[in-house]
């Protein structure tokens, strides 16, 4: 039960970082190390693996709407 919410938070974080990177490239791209580097890495995952992230978001939405 909590695993579904954990996965949904991670997926939404990845999607949000990728969206913010598409709007404002330099603030996220500047910090590639440290704590703020997590945002840059999640944005890159959202860009490079966008098909897999989209499929996971669809599966997540299906599980939240119909299984729970």
C-alpha atoms as a PDB file:
ATOM      1  CA  UNK A   1       0.000   0.000   0.000  1.00  0.00           C
ATOM      2  CA  UNK A   2       2.730   2.473   0.871  1.00  0.00           C
ATOM      3  CA  UNK A   3       4.893   1.207  -1.982  1.00  0.00           C
ATOM      4  CA  UNK A   4       2.356   2.546  -4.473  1.00  0.00           C
ATOM      5  CA  UNK A   5       2.546   5.981  -2.898  1.00  0.00           C
ATOM      6  CA  UNK A   6       6.336   5.882  -2.801  1.00  0.00           C
ATOM      7  CA  UNK A   7       6.521   5.003  -6.486  1.00  0.00           C
ATOM      8  CA  UNK A   8       3.984   7.694  -7.338  1.00  0.00           C
ATOM      9  CA  UNK A   9       5.987  10.347  -5.456  1.00  0.00           C
ATOM     10  CA  UNK A  10       9.188   9.308  -7.240  1.00  0.00           C
ATOM     11  CA  UNK A  11       7.492   9.342 -10.648  1.00  0.00           C
ATOM     12  CA  UNK A  12       5.899  12.719 -10.037  1.00  0.00           C
ATOM     13  CA  UNK A  13       9.246  14.090  -8.838  1.00  0.00           C
ATOM     14  CA  UNK A  14      10.948  12.870 -12.033  1.00  0.00           C
ATOM     15  CA  UNK A  15       8.199  14.352 -14.224  1.00  0.00           C
ATOM     16  CA  UNK A  16       8.274  17.654 -12.364  1.00  0.00           C
ATOM     17  CA  UNK A  17      12.048  17.971 -12.651  1.00  0.00           C
ATOM     18  CA  UNK A  18      11.936  17.207 -16.375  1.00  0.00           C
ATOM     19  CA  UNK A  19       9.203  19.811 -16.863  1.00  0.00           C
ATOM     20  CA  UNK A  20      11.104  22.464 -14.901  1.00  0.00           C
ATOM     21  CA  UNK A  21      14.247  21.688 -16.906  1.00  0.00           C
ATOM     22  CA  UNK A  22      12.332  22.235 -20.134  1.00  0.00           C
ATOM     23  CA  UNK A  23      11.159  25.647 -18.898  1.00  0.00           C
ATOM     24  CA  UNK A  24      14.349  26.909 -17.239  1.00  0.00           C
ATOM     25  CA  UNK A  25      17.424  25.029 -18.404  1.00  0.00           C
ATOM     26  CA  UNK A  26      20.251  26.764 -16.562  1.00  0.00           C
ATOM     27  CA  UNK A  27      19.166  26.628 -12.875  1.00  0.00           C
ATOM     28  CA  UNK A  28      18.806  22.843 -12.870  1.00  0.00           C
ATOM     29  CA  UNK A  29      21.719  22.136 -15.193  1.00  0.00           C
ATOM     30  CA  UNK A  30      24.136  24.231 -13.163  1.00  0.00           C
ATOM     31  CA  UNK A  31      23.927  22.022 -10.049  1.00  0.00           C
ATOM     32  CA  UNK A  32      25.162  18.600 -11.091  1.00  0.00           C
ATOM     33  CA  UNK A  33      26.609  17.569  -7.739  1.00  0.00           C
ATOM     34  CA  UNK A  34      25.461  17.609  -4.159  1.00  0.00           C
ATOM     35  CA  UNK A  35      21.916  17.716  -2.883  1.00  0.00           C
ATOM     36  CA  UNK A  36      20.678  19.901  -5.728  1.00  0.00           C
ATOM     37  CA  UNK A  37      22.230  17.459  -8.184  1.00  0.00           C
ATOM     38  CA  UNK A  38      19.334  15.109  -7.463  1.00  0.00           C
ATOM     39  CA  UNK A  39      17.034  17.485  -9.348  1.00  0.00           C
ATOM     40  CA  UNK A  40      19.325  17.490 -12.371  1.00  0.00           C
ATOM     41  CA  UNK A  41      19.654  13.699 -12.341  1.00  0.00           C
ATOM     42  CA  UNK A  42      15.891  13.205 -12.066  1.00  0.00           C
ATOM     43  CA  UNK A  43      15.358  15.640 -14.926  1.00  0.00           C
ATOM     44  CA  UNK A  44      17.791  13.675 -17.078  1.00  0.00           C
ATOM     45  CA  UNK A  45      16.003  10.425 -16.234  1.00  0.00           C
ATOM     46  CA  UNK A  46      12.741  12.061 -17.261  1.00  0.00           C
ATOM     47  CA  UNK A  47      14.244  13.162 -20.562  1.00  0.00           C
ATOM     48  CA  UNK A  48      16.197  10.052 -21.526  1.00  0.00           C
ATOM     49  CA  UNK A  49      13.720   7.453 -20.309  1.00  0.00           C
ATOM     50  CA  UNK A  50      10.550   9.376 -21.114  1.00  0.00           C
ATOM     51  CA  UNK A  51       8.783   6.382 -22.663  1.00  0.00           C
ATOM     52  CA  UNK A  52       9.394   4.233 -19.589  1.00  0.00           C
ATOM     53  CA  UNK A  53       8.406   7.044 -17.237  1.00  0.00           C
ATOM     54  CA  UNK A  54       5.188   7.615 -19.205  1.00  0.00           C
ATOM     55  CA  UNK A  55       4.303   3.919 -19.092  1.00  0.00           C
ATOM     56  CA  UNK A  56       4.996   3.827 -15.352  1.00  0.00           C
ATOM     57  CA  UNK A  57       2.770   6.895 -14.857  1.00  0.00           C
ATOM     58  CA  UNK A  58      -0.067   5.209 -16.756  1.00  0.00           C
ATOM     59  CA  UNK A  59       0.318   2.023 -14.712  1.00  0.00           C
ATOM     60  CA  UNK A  60       0.442   4.098 -11.523  1.00  0.00           C
ATOM     61  CA  UNK A  61      -2.729   5.975 -12.453  1.00  0.00           C
ATOM     62  CA  UNK A  62      -4.494   2.724 -13.323  1.00  0.00           C
ATOM     63  CA  UNK A  63      -3.498   1.167 -10.010  1.00  0.00           C
ATOM     64  CA  UNK A  64      -4.582   4.188  -7.987  1.00  0.00           C
ATOM     65  CA  UNK A  65      -7.944   4.565  -9.750  1.00  0.00           C
ATOM     66  CA  UNK A  66      -9.011   0.955 -10.159  1.00  0.00           C
ATOM     67  CA  UNK A  67      -7.111  -1.256  -7.711  1.00  0.00           C
ATOM     68  CA  UNK A  68      -7.194   0.790  -4.515  1.00  0.00           C
END
